[in-house]
């Protein structure tokens, strides 16, 4: 069973309330997504740490109901 884009966005925003999240379905199959996440929580963190924060927000769904997620993360520009 695939994961809905709205569920992905909801989980990320629950963990990172100030985040701006854009989700795109890459293949039209509900299985392969790209996400752009901008959050002040990413300030001072490496790209790997930022991605780990997003994966943690997805509560173990990566690799299961969520097959593929291409991430672009950043802190907001001041």
Protein backbone atom coordinates (compact mmCIF):
# COMPACT_ATOMS: atom_id res chain seq x y z
CA UNK A 1 0.00 0.00 0.00
CA UNK A 2 1.35 3.41 -0.99
CA UNK A 3 1.60 6.44 1.27
CA UNK A 4 -0.39 9.56 0.42
CA UNK A 5 1.50 12.84 -0.11
CA UNK A 6 -0.73 14.55 2.48
CA UNK A 7 0.33 11.97 5.08
CA UNK A 8 3.99 12.60 4.32
CA UNK A 9 3.49 16.34 4.70
CA UNK A 10 1.50 15.90 7.93
CA UNK A 11 4.17 13.72 9.56
CA UNK A 12 6.95 16.15 8.63
CA UNK A 13 4.98 19.15 9.94
CA UNK A 14 4.19 17.33 13.19
CA UNK A 15 7.92 16.91 13.82
CA UNK A 16 8.98 20.27 12.34
CA UNK A 17 6.05 22.64 12.93
CA UNK A 18 7.63 25.64 11.21
CA UNK A 19 8.51 23.65 8.08
CA UNK A 20 7.48 24.59 4.60
CA UNK A 21 6.93 21.29 2.81
CA UNK A 22 6.42 20.65 -0.90
CA UNK A 23 5.74 17.07 -2.00
CA UNK A 24 5.81 15.92 -5.63
CA UNK A 25 4.74 12.47 -6.86
CA UNK A 26 7.55 11.63 -9.30
CA UNK A 27 6.04 8.62 -11.04
CA UNK A 28 2.32 9.10 -10.51
CA UNK A 29 2.20 5.84 -8.59
CA UNK A 30 2.06 7.12 -5.01
CA UNK A 31 5.32 5.29 -4.32
CA UNK A 32 8.08 7.63 -5.52
CA UNK A 33 8.11 11.15 -4.13
CA UNK A 34 10.37 14.17 -3.96
CA UNK A 35 10.12 16.51 -0.98
CA UNK A 36 11.50 19.97 -0.42
CA UNK A 37 11.57 20.84 3.28
CA UNK A 38 12.63 24.21 4.67
CA UNK A 39 12.83 24.55 8.47
CA UNK A 40 14.70 26.70 10.97
CA UNK A 41 15.39 23.45 12.87
CA UNK A 42 17.95 22.67 10.14
CA UNK A 43 20.17 25.65 11.02
CA UNK A 44 23.68 24.57 11.95
CA UNK A 45 23.04 20.97 10.92
CA UNK A 46 24.70 19.05 8.12
CA UNK A 47 22.68 17.90 5.14
CA UNK A 48 22.87 14.32 6.46
CA UNK A 49 21.52 15.44 9.85
CA UNK A 50 18.72 17.35 8.13
CA UNK A 51 17.72 14.28 6.14
CA UNK A 52 17.87 12.12 9.28
CA UNK A 53 15.45 14.54 10.96
CA UNK A 54 12.98 14.14 8.08
CA UNK A 55 13.34 10.35 8.06
CA UNK A 56 12.73 10.30 11.83
CA UNK A 57 9.59 12.38 11.27
CA UNK A 58 8.29 9.68 8.92
CA UNK A 59 8.19 7.25 11.85
CA UNK A 60 9.62 4.18 10.18
CA UNK A 61 7.56 4.43 6.99
CA UNK A 62 10.64 4.85 4.76
CA UNK A 63 11.37 1.65 2.93
CA UNK A 64 7.95 0.25 3.81
CA UNK A 65 4.78 1.99 2.66
CA UNK A 66 6.97 4.84 1.43
CA UNK A 67 9.26 3.29 -1.15
CA UNK A 68 11.34 6.26 -2.32
CA UNK A 69 11.73 9.87 -1.20
CA UNK A 70 14.20 12.26 -2.81
CA UNK A 71 14.92 15.01 -0.28
CA UNK A 72 16.00 18.61 -0.63
CA UNK A 73 16.38 20.30 2.75
CA UNK A 74 17.51 23.73 3.89
CA UNK A 75 17.15 26.35 6.58
CA UNK A 76 15.19 29.50 5.63
CA UNK A 77 17.17 32.40 4.22
CA UNK A 78 17.18 35.41 6.52
